[in-house]
Each structure stands twice: as C-alpha cells, then as structure tokens.
C-alpha cells in the first residue's frame, strides 16, 4: 500500500413511507457525519401525505423523488438508481 487514500463517491438512497419524523432525524444525523462528495436521494414511496416542504427546504442538497405508487423497498431503490 502506498499510503494514499482513494476517494470514493457514495450514493445513499433512503426509501420512506409516511415516516417524516424519522427521516428528519436520519437526515440530521447524516448531515453531522461530515461525509463529503456524497449524493443523497430520498424516495417517497407514495406516502399518504407528501413530504413537508420545510424538510425539503432544510436539505436542498438532497434529490427528492416521489413515486405515484408504493413499489416496496426494492422498487423504491430501483427508482432512485
């Protein structure tokens, strides 16, 4: 090993269904990790209520996707990939 670190870009996909308080805590925690060069995608898996605008405004670096129907965890991840 040469002693140099390789920087790897990471994409995090979070699939959510009606759990906005949990998502807010998750995003806050991720923001405090110091991750750099990380893409963050949140998929709303056809929640009964849309994501609060205040949450979307608080995290403008997040790519927000909303599915018209609940596709399950795997389908939500595939939508974001």
PDB file of N, CA and C in Angstrom:
ATOM      1  N   UNK A   1       0.838  -1.180   0.000  1.00  0.00           N
ATOM      2  CA  UNK A   1       0.000   0.000   0.000  1.00  0.00           C
ATOM      3  C   UNK A   1       0.875   1.233   0.000  1.00  0.00           C
ATOM      4  N   UNK A   2       0.450   2.226  -0.752  1.00  0.00           N
ATOM      5  CA  UNK A   2       1.268   3.414  -0.931  1.00  0.00           C
ATOM      6  C   UNK A   2       1.049   4.476   0.135  1.00  0.00           C
ATOM      7  N   UNK A   3       0.028   4.356   0.947  1.00  0.00           N
ATOM      8  CA  UNK A   3      -0.229   5.350   1.972  1.00  0.00           C
ATOM      9  C   UNK A   3      -1.159   6.468   1.530  1.00  0.00           C
ATOM     10  N   UNK A   4      -1.585   6.460   0.275  1.00  0.00           N
ATOM     11  CA  UNK A   4      -2.537   7.472  -0.185  1.00  0.00           C
ATOM     12  C   UNK A   4      -3.939   6.899  -0.105  1.00  0.00           C
ATOM     13  N   UNK A   5      -4.874   7.758   0.209  1.00  0.00           N
ATOM     14  CA  UNK A   5      -6.262   7.334   0.309  1.00  0.00           C
ATOM     15  C   UNK A   5      -6.977   7.560  -1.005  1.00  0.00           C
ATOM     16  N   UNK A   6      -7.797   6.626  -1.382  1.00  0.00           N
ATOM     17  CA  UNK A   6      -8.612   6.764  -2.573  1.00  0.00           C
ATOM     18  C   UNK A   6      -9.969   7.322  -2.158  1.00  0.00           C
ATOM     19  N   UNK A   7     -10.400   8.385  -2.818  1.00  0.00           N
ATOM     20  CA  UNK A   7     -11.688   8.981  -2.527  1.00  0.00           C
ATOM     21  C   UNK A   7     -12.739   8.305  -3.398  1.00  0.00           C
ATOM     22  N   UNK A   8     -13.779   7.816  -2.761  1.00  0.00           N
ATOM     23  CA  UNK A   8     -14.846   7.117  -3.464  1.00  0.00           C
ATOM     24  C   UNK A   8     -16.142   7.896  -3.273  1.00  0.00           C
ATOM     25  N   UNK A   9     -16.830   8.175  -4.378  1.00  0.00           N
ATOM     26  CA  UNK A   9     -18.124   8.852  -4.285  1.00  0.00           C
ATOM     27  C   UNK A   9     -19.174   7.825  -3.877  1.00  0.00           C
ATOM     28  N   UNK A  10     -19.994   8.216  -2.927  1.00  0.00           N
ATOM     29  CA  UNK A  10     -21.012   7.325  -2.386  1.00  0.00           C
ATOM     30  C   UNK A  10     -22.389   7.928  -2.644  1.00  0.00           C
ATOM     31  N   UNK A  11     -23.331   7.079  -3.040  1.00  0.00           N
ATOM     32  CA  UNK A  11     -24.723   7.489  -3.161  1.00  0.00           C
ATOM     33  C   UNK A  11     -25.530   6.742  -2.105  1.00  0.00           C
ATOM     34  N   UNK A  12     -26.268   7.502  -1.302  1.00  0.00           N
ATOM     35  CA  UNK A  12     -27.147   6.915  -0.287  1.00  0.00           C
ATOM     36  C   UNK A  12     -28.588   7.082  -0.754  1.00  0.00           C
ATOM     37  N   UNK A  13     -29.335   5.992  -0.756  1.00  0.00           N
ATOM     38  CA  UNK A  13     -30.745   6.023  -1.135  1.00  0.00           C
ATOM     39  C   UNK A  13     -31.567   5.680   0.102  1.00  0.00           C
ATOM     40  N   UNK A  14     -32.515   6.569   0.420  1.00  0.00           N
ATOM     41  CA  UNK A  14     -33.408   6.341   1.551  1.00  0.00           C
ATOM     42  C   UNK A  14     -34.828   6.252   0.998  1.00  0.00           C
ATOM     43  N   UNK A  15     -35.473   5.124   1.226  1.00  0.00           N
ATOM     44  CA  UNK A  15     -36.857   4.929   0.805  1.00  0.00           C
ATOM     45  C   UNK A  15     -37.736   5.152   2.026  1.00  0.00           C
ATOM     46  N   UNK A  16     -38.722   6.037   1.888  1.00  0.00           N
ATOM     47  CA  UNK A  16     -39.551   6.406   3.039  1.00  0.00           C
ATOM     48  C   UNK A  16     -41.032   6.293   2.683  1.00  0.00           C
ATOM     49  N   UNK A  17     -41.806   5.862   3.672  1.00  0.00           N
ATOM     50  CA  UNK A  17     -43.259   5.797   3.528  1.00  0.00           C
ATOM     51  C   UNK A  17     -43.887   6.298   4.826  1.00  0.00           C
ATOM     52  N   UNK A  18     -44.394   7.525   4.801  1.00  0.00           N
ATOM     53  CA  UNK A  18     -45.116   8.125   5.930  1.00  0.00           C
ATOM     54  C   UNK A  18     -44.302   8.269   7.215  1.00  0.00           C
ATOM     55  N   UNK A  19     -43.016   8.318   7.159  1.00  0.00           N
ATOM     56  CA  UNK A  19     -42.190   8.417   8.372  1.00  0.00           C
ATOM     57  C   UNK A  19     -41.331   9.678   8.329  1.00  0.00           C
ATOM     58  N   UNK A  20     -41.970  10.828   8.263  1.00  0.00           N
ATOM     59  CA  UNK A  20     -41.236  12.081   8.067  1.00  0.00           C
ATOM     60  C   UNK A  20     -40.400  12.458   9.280  1.00  0.00           C
ATOM     61  N   UNK A  21     -40.866  12.179  10.492  1.00  0.00           N
ATOM     62  CA  UNK A  21     -40.070  12.496  11.685  1.00  0.00           C
ATOM     63  C   UNK A  21     -38.802  11.648  11.725  1.00  0.00           C
ATOM     64  N   UNK A  22     -38.936  10.378  11.395  1.00  0.00           N
ATOM     65  CA  UNK A  22     -37.757   9.508  11.345  1.00  0.00           C
ATOM     66  C   UNK A  22     -36.794   9.963  10.259  1.00  0.00           C
ATOM     67  N   UNK A  23     -37.330  10.349   9.113  1.00  0.00           N
ATOM     68  CA  UNK A  23     -36.475  10.820   8.030  1.00  0.00           C
ATOM     69  C   UNK A  23     -35.741  12.095   8.442  1.00  0.00           C
ATOM     70  N   UNK A  24     -36.417  12.999   9.134  1.00  0.00           N
ATOM     71  CA  UNK A  24     -35.774  14.237   9.587  1.00  0.00           C
ATOM     72  C   UNK A  24     -34.595  13.922  10.498  1.00  0.00           C
ATOM     73  N   UNK A  25     -34.778  12.983  11.424  1.00  0.00           N
ATOM     74  CA  UNK A  25     -33.671  12.585  12.315  1.00  0.00           C
ATOM     75  C   UNK A  25     -32.540  11.929  11.529  1.00  0.00           C
ATOM     76  N   UNK A  26     -32.889  11.118  10.561  1.00  0.00           N
ATOM     77  CA  UNK A  26     -31.882  10.455   9.733  1.00  0.00           C
ATOM     78  C   UNK A  26     -31.053  11.477   8.952  1.00  0.00           C
ATOM     79  N   UNK A  27     -31.728  12.428   8.310  1.00  0.00           N
ATOM     80  CA  UNK A  27     -31.017  13.441   7.530  1.00  0.00           C
ATOM     81  C   UNK A  27     -30.143  14.316   8.420  1.00  0.00           C
ATOM     82  N   UNK A  28     -30.634  14.652   9.607  1.00  0.00           N
ATOM     83  CA  UNK A  28     -29.840  15.442  10.547  1.00  0.00           C
ATOM     84  C   UNK A  28     -28.585  14.676  10.950  1.00  0.00           C
ATOM     85  N   UNK A  29     -28.743  13.401  11.228  1.00  0.00           N
ATOM     86  CA  UNK A  29     -27.607  12.569  11.599  1.00  0.00           C
ATOM     87  C   UNK A  29     -26.586  12.491  10.464  1.00  0.00           C
ATOM     88  N   UNK A  30     -27.064  12.293   9.256  1.00  0.00           N
ATOM     89  CA  UNK A  30     -26.152  12.232   8.110  1.00  0.00           C
ATOM     90  C   UNK A  30     -25.427  13.557   7.895  1.00  0.00           C
ATOM     91  N   UNK A  31     -26.133  14.661   8.105  1.00  0.00           N
ATOM     92  CA  UNK A  31     -25.516  15.982   7.934  1.00  0.00           C
ATOM     93  C   UNK A  31     -24.392  16.194   8.943  1.00  0.00           C
ATOM     94  N   UNK A  32     -24.490  15.563  10.099  1.00  0.00           N
ATOM     95  CA  UNK A  32     -23.482  15.728  11.143  1.00  0.00           C
ATOM     96  C   UNK A  32     -22.308  14.759  11.035  1.00  0.00           C
ATOM     97  N   UNK A  33     -22.318  13.886  10.036  1.00  0.00           N
ATOM     98  CA  UNK A  33     -21.238  12.902   9.905  1.00  0.00           C
ATOM     99  C   UNK A  33     -19.991  13.474   9.253  1.00  0.00           C
ATOM    100  N   UNK A  34     -20.154  14.559   8.507  1.00  0.00           N
ATOM    101  CA  UNK A  34     -19.008  15.130   7.805  1.00  0.00           C
ATOM    102  C   UNK A  34     -18.707  14.444   6.484  1.00  0.00           C
ATOM    103  N   UNK A  35     -19.635  13.645   5.988  1.00  0.00           N
ATOM    104  CA  UNK A  35     -19.424  12.996   4.694  1.00  0.00           C
ATOM    105  C   UNK A  35     -19.258  14.047   3.604  1.00  0.00           C
ATOM    106  N   UNK A  36     -18.309  13.820   2.723  1.00  0.00           N
ATOM    107  CA  UNK A  36     -18.103  14.732   1.601  1.00  0.00           C
ATOM    108  C   UNK A  36     -18.281  13.966   0.302  1.00  0.00           C
ATOM    109  N   UNK A  37     -18.631  14.697  -0.733  1.00  0.00           N
ATOM    110  CA  UNK A  37     -18.826  14.112  -2.061  1.00  0.00           C
ATOM    111  C   UNK A  37     -19.794  12.927  -2.012  1.00  0.00           C
ATOM    112  N   UNK A  38     -20.890  13.119  -1.294  1.00  0.00           N
ATOM    113  CA  UNK A  38     -21.899  12.081  -1.136  1.00  0.00           C
ATOM    114  C   UNK A  38     -23.205  12.557  -1.754  1.00  0.00           C
ATOM    115  N   UNK A  39     -23.774  11.728  -2.597  1.00  0.00           N
ATOM    116  CA  UNK A  39     -25.085  12.011  -3.188  1.00  0.00           C
ATOM    117  C   UNK A  39     -26.145  11.371  -2.304  1.00  0.00           C
ATOM    118  N   UNK A  40     -27.189  12.119  -1.998  1.00  0.00           N
ATOM    119  CA  UNK A  40     -28.255  11.608  -1.147  1.00  0.00           C
ATOM    120  C   UNK A  40     -29.577  11.725  -1.889  1.00  0.00           C
ATOM    121  N   UNK A  41     -30.271  10.583  -2.030  1.00  0.00           N
ATOM    122  CA  UNK A  41     -31.550  10.527  -2.731  1.00  0.00           C
ATOM    123  C   UNK A  41     -32.597   9.991  -1.771  1.00  0.00           C
ATOM    124  N   UNK A  42     -33.713  10.727  -1.654  1.00  0.00           N
ATOM    125  CA  UNK A  42     -34.836  10.276  -0.836  1.00  0.00           C
ATOM    126  C   UNK A  42     -35.989   9.948  -1.772  1.00  0.00           C
ATOM    127  N   UNK A  43     -36.517   8.742  -1.638  1.00  0.00           N
ATOM    128  CA  UNK A  43     -37.658   8.302  -2.429  1.00  0.00           C
ATOM    129  C   UNK A  43     -38.884   8.227  -1.522  1.00  0.00           C
ATOM    130  N   UNK A  44     -39.877   9.047  -1.823  1.00  0.00           N
ATOM    131  CA  UNK A  44     -41.165   8.983  -1.136  1.00  0.00           C
ATOM    132  C   UNK A  44     -41.971   7.907  -1.847  1.00  0.00           C
ATOM    133  N   UNK A  45     -42.194   6.805  -1.167  1.00  0.00           N
ATOM    134  CA  UNK A  45     -42.830   5.639  -1.772  1.00  0.00           C
ATOM    135  C   UNK A  45     -44.354   5.743  -1.675  1.00  0.00           C
ATOM    136  N   UNK A  46     -44.902   6.814  -2.268  1.00  0.00           N
ATOM    137  CA  UNK A  46     -46.352   7.055  -2.328  1.00  0.00           C
ATOM    138  C   UNK A  46     -46.978   7.208  -0.943  1.00  0.00           C
ATOM    139  N   UNK A  47     -46.321   8.000  -0.103  1.00  0.00           N
ATOM    140  CA  UNK A  47     -46.860   8.269   1.235  1.00  0.00           C
ATOM    141  C   UNK A  47     -48.236   8.908   1.128  1.00  0.00           C
ATOM    142  N   UNK A  48     -49.046   8.721   2.160  1.00  0.00           N
ATOM    143  CA  UNK A  48     -50.380   9.302   2.165  1.00  0.00           C
ATOM    144  C   UNK A  48     -50.322  10.823   2.200  1.00  0.00           C
ATOM    145  N   UNK A  49     -49.327  11.359   2.890  1.00  0.00           N
ATOM    146  CA  UNK A  49     -49.105  12.799   2.914  1.00  0.00           C
ATOM    147  C   UNK A  49     -47.741  13.076   2.299  1.00  0.00           C
ATOM    148  N   UNK A  50     -47.672  14.086   1.468  1.00  0.00           N
ATOM    149  CA  UNK A  50     -46.405  14.434   0.825  1.00  0.00           C
ATOM    150  C   UNK A  50     -45.396  14.897   1.865  1.00  0.00           C
ATOM    151  N   UNK A  51     -44.151  14.825   1.498  1.00  0.00           N
ATOM    152  CA  UNK A  51     -43.068  15.280   2.363  1.00  0.00           C
ATOM    153  C   UNK A  51     -43.280  16.747   2.723  1.00  0.00           C
ATOM    154  N   UNK A  52     -43.117  17.101   3.989  1.00  0.00           N
ATOM    155  CA  UNK A  52     -43.268  18.502   4.378  1.00  0.00           C
ATOM    156  C   UNK A  52     -42.274  19.399   3.631  1.00  0.00           C
ATOM    157  N   UNK A  53     -42.769  20.511   3.126  1.00  0.00           N
ATOM    158  CA  UNK A  53     -41.913  21.442   2.385  1.00  0.00           C
ATOM    159  C   UNK A  53     -40.750  21.924   3.236  1.00  0.00           C
ATOM    160  N   UNK A  54     -40.971  22.066   4.534  1.00  0.00           N
ATOM    161  CA  UNK A  54     -39.902  22.537   5.418  1.00  0.00           C
ATOM    162  C   UNK A  54     -38.731  21.558   5.443  1.00  0.00           C
ATOM    163  N   UNK A  55     -39.016  20.274   5.343  1.00  0.00           N
ATOM    164  CA  UNK A  55     -37.958  19.272   5.323  1.00  0.00           C
ATOM    165  C   UNK A  55     -37.179  19.349   4.012  1.00  0.00           C
ATOM    166  N   UNK A  56     -37.893  19.516   2.923  1.00  0.00           N
ATOM    167  CA  UNK A  56     -37.237  19.627   1.619  1.00  0.00           C
ATOM    168  C   UNK A  56     -36.395  20.901   1.545  1.00  0.00           C
ATOM    169  N   UNK A  57     -36.877  21.974   2.124  1.00  0.00           N
ATOM    170  CA  UNK A  57     -36.142  23.243   2.130  1.00  0.00           C
ATOM    171  C   UNK A  57     -34.896  23.152   3.004  1.00  0.00           C
ATOM    172  N   UNK A  58     -34.981  22.427   4.098  1.00  0.00           N
ATOM    173  CA  UNK A  58     -33.854  22.301   5.022  1.00  0.00           C
ATOM    174  C   UNK A  58     -32.693  21.509   4.425  1.00  0.00           C
ATOM    175  N   UNK A  59     -32.976  20.671   3.432  1.00  0.00           N
ATOM    176  CA  UNK A  59     -31.948  19.819   2.823  1.00  0.00           C
ATOM    177  C   UNK A  59     -31.983  19.952   1.301  1.00  0.00           C
ATOM    178  N   UNK A  60     -31.575  21.116   0.791  1.00  0.00           N
ATOM    179  CA  UNK A  60     -31.627  21.333  -0.663  1.00  0.00           C
ATOM    180  C   UNK A  60     -30.641  20.469  -1.445  1.00  0.00           C
ATOM    181  N   UNK A  61     -29.643  19.920  -0.760  1.00  0.00           N
ATOM    182  CA  UNK A  61     -28.663  19.063  -1.435  1.00  0.00           C
ATOM    183  C   UNK A  61     -29.206  17.676  -1.736  1.00  0.00           C
ATOM    184  N   UNK A  62     -30.358  17.352  -1.168  1.00  0.00           N
ATOM    185  CA  UNK A  62     -30.983  16.037  -1.370  1.00  0.00           C
ATOM    186  C   UNK A  62     -31.775  16.042  -2.669  1.00  0.00           C
ATOM    187  N   UNK A  63     -31.676  14.964  -3.415  1.00  0.00           N
ATOM    188  CA  UNK A  63     -32.543  14.754  -4.575  1.00  0.00           C
ATOM    189  C   UNK A  63     -33.803  14.071  -4.062  1.00  0.00           C
ATOM    190  N   UNK A  64     -34.948  14.713  -4.280  1.00  0.00           N
ATOM    191  CA  UNK A  64     -36.226  14.214  -3.781  1.00  0.00           C
ATOM    192  C   UNK A  64     -37.021  13.600  -4.929  1.00  0.00           C
ATOM    193  N   UNK A  65     -37.410  12.340  -4.782  1.00  0.00           N
ATOM    194  CA  UNK A  65     -38.227  11.654  -5.781  1.00  0.00           C
ATOM    195  C   UNK A  65     -39.517  11.192  -5.116  1.00  0.00           C
ATOM    196  N   UNK A  66     -40.623  11.318  -5.827  1.00  0.00           N
ATOM    197  CA  UNK A  66     -41.917  10.842  -5.304  1.00  0.00           C
ATOM    198  C   UNK A  66     -42.501   9.838  -6.284  1.00  0.00           C
ATOM    199  N   UNK A  67     -42.781   8.665  -5.786  1.00  0.00           N
ATOM    200  CA  UNK A  67     -43.387   7.619  -6.599  1.00  0.00           C
ATOM    201  C   UNK A  67     -44.906   7.769  -6.569  1.00  0.00           C
ATOM    202  N   UNK A  68     -45.548   7.538  -7.686  1.00  0.00           N
ATOM    203  CA  UNK A  68     -47.010   7.616  -7.766  1.00  0.00           C
ATOM    204  C   UNK A  68     -47.679   6.429  -7.080  1.00  0.00           C
ATOM    205  N   UNK A  69     -46.932   5.326  -6.937  1.00  0.00           N
ATOM    206  CA  UNK A  69     -47.481   4.150  -6.254  1.00  0.00           C
ATOM    207  C   UNK A  69     -46.403   3.533  -5.383  1.00  0.00           C
ATOM    208  N   UNK A  70     -46.823   2.845  -4.339  1.00  0.00           N
ATOM    209  CA  UNK A  70     -45.880   2.191  -3.444  1.00  0.00           C
ATOM    210  C   UNK A  70     -45.328   0.954  -4.147  1.00  0.00           C
ATOM    211  N   UNK A  71     -44.042   0.982  -4.411  1.00  0.00           N
ATOM    212  CA  UNK A  71     -43.395  -0.108  -5.136  1.00  0.00           C
ATOM    213  C   UNK A  71     -42.602  -1.014  -4.207  1.00  0.00           C
ATOM    214  N   UNK A  72     -42.749  -0.825  -2.903  1.00  0.00           N
ATOM    215  CA  UNK A  72     -41.978  -1.602  -1.957  1.00  0.00           C
ATOM    216  C   UNK A  72     -40.549  -1.080  -1.865  1.00  0.00           C
ATOM    217  N   UNK A  73     -39.791  -1.655  -0.952  1.00  0.00           N
ATOM    218  CA  UNK A  73     -38.424  -1.193  -0.709  1.00  0.00           C
ATOM    219  C   UNK A  73     -37.536  -1.345  -1.945  1.00  0.00           C
ATOM    220  N   UNK A  74     -37.588  -2.503  -2.571  1.00  0.00           N
ATOM    221  CA  UNK A  74     -36.755  -2.750  -3.745  1.00  0.00           C
ATOM    222  C   UNK A  74     -37.111  -1.840  -4.901  1.00  0.00           C
ATOM    223  N   UNK A  75     -38.407  -1.673  -5.151  1.00  0.00           N
ATOM    224  CA  UNK A  75     -38.844  -0.803  -6.226  1.00  0.00           C
ATOM    225  C   UNK A  75     -38.460   0.649  -5.997  1.00  0.00           C
ATOM    226  N   UNK A  76     -38.539   1.087  -4.742  1.00  0.00           N
ATOM    227  CA  UNK A  76     -38.127   2.450  -4.417  1.00  0.00           C
ATOM    228  C   UNK A  76     -36.658   2.668  -4.679  1.00  0.00           C
ATOM    229  N   UNK A  77     -35.842   1.681  -4.309  1.00  0.00           N
ATOM    230  CA  UNK A  77     -34.413   1.764  -4.589  1.00  0.00           C
ATOM    231  C   UNK A  77     -34.127   1.754  -6.082  1.00  0.00           C
ATOM    232  N   UNK A  78     -34.846   0.923  -6.815  1.00  0.00           N
ATOM    233  CA  UNK A  78     -34.661   0.886  -8.270  1.00  0.00           C
ATOM    234  C   UNK A  78     -35.047   2.209  -8.919  1.00  0.00           C
ATOM    235  N   UNK A  79     -36.057   2.869  -8.406  1.00  0.00           N
ATOM    236  CA  UNK A  79     -36.460   4.168  -8.938  1.00  0.00           C
ATOM    237  C   UNK A  79     -35.329   5.176  -8.804  1.00  0.00           C
ATOM    238  N   UNK A  80     -34.616   5.111  -7.707  1.00  0.00           N
ATOM    239  CA  UNK A  80     -33.547   6.078  -7.455  1.00  0.00           C
ATOM    240  C   UNK A  80     -32.239   5.722  -8.157  1.00  0.00           C
ATOM    241  N   UNK A  81     -32.061   4.467  -8.490  1.00  0.00           N
ATOM    242  CA  UNK A  81     -30.785   4.022  -9.081  1.00  0.00           C
ATOM    243  C   UNK A  81     -30.622   4.477 -10.509  1.00  0.00           C
TER     244      UNK A  81
END
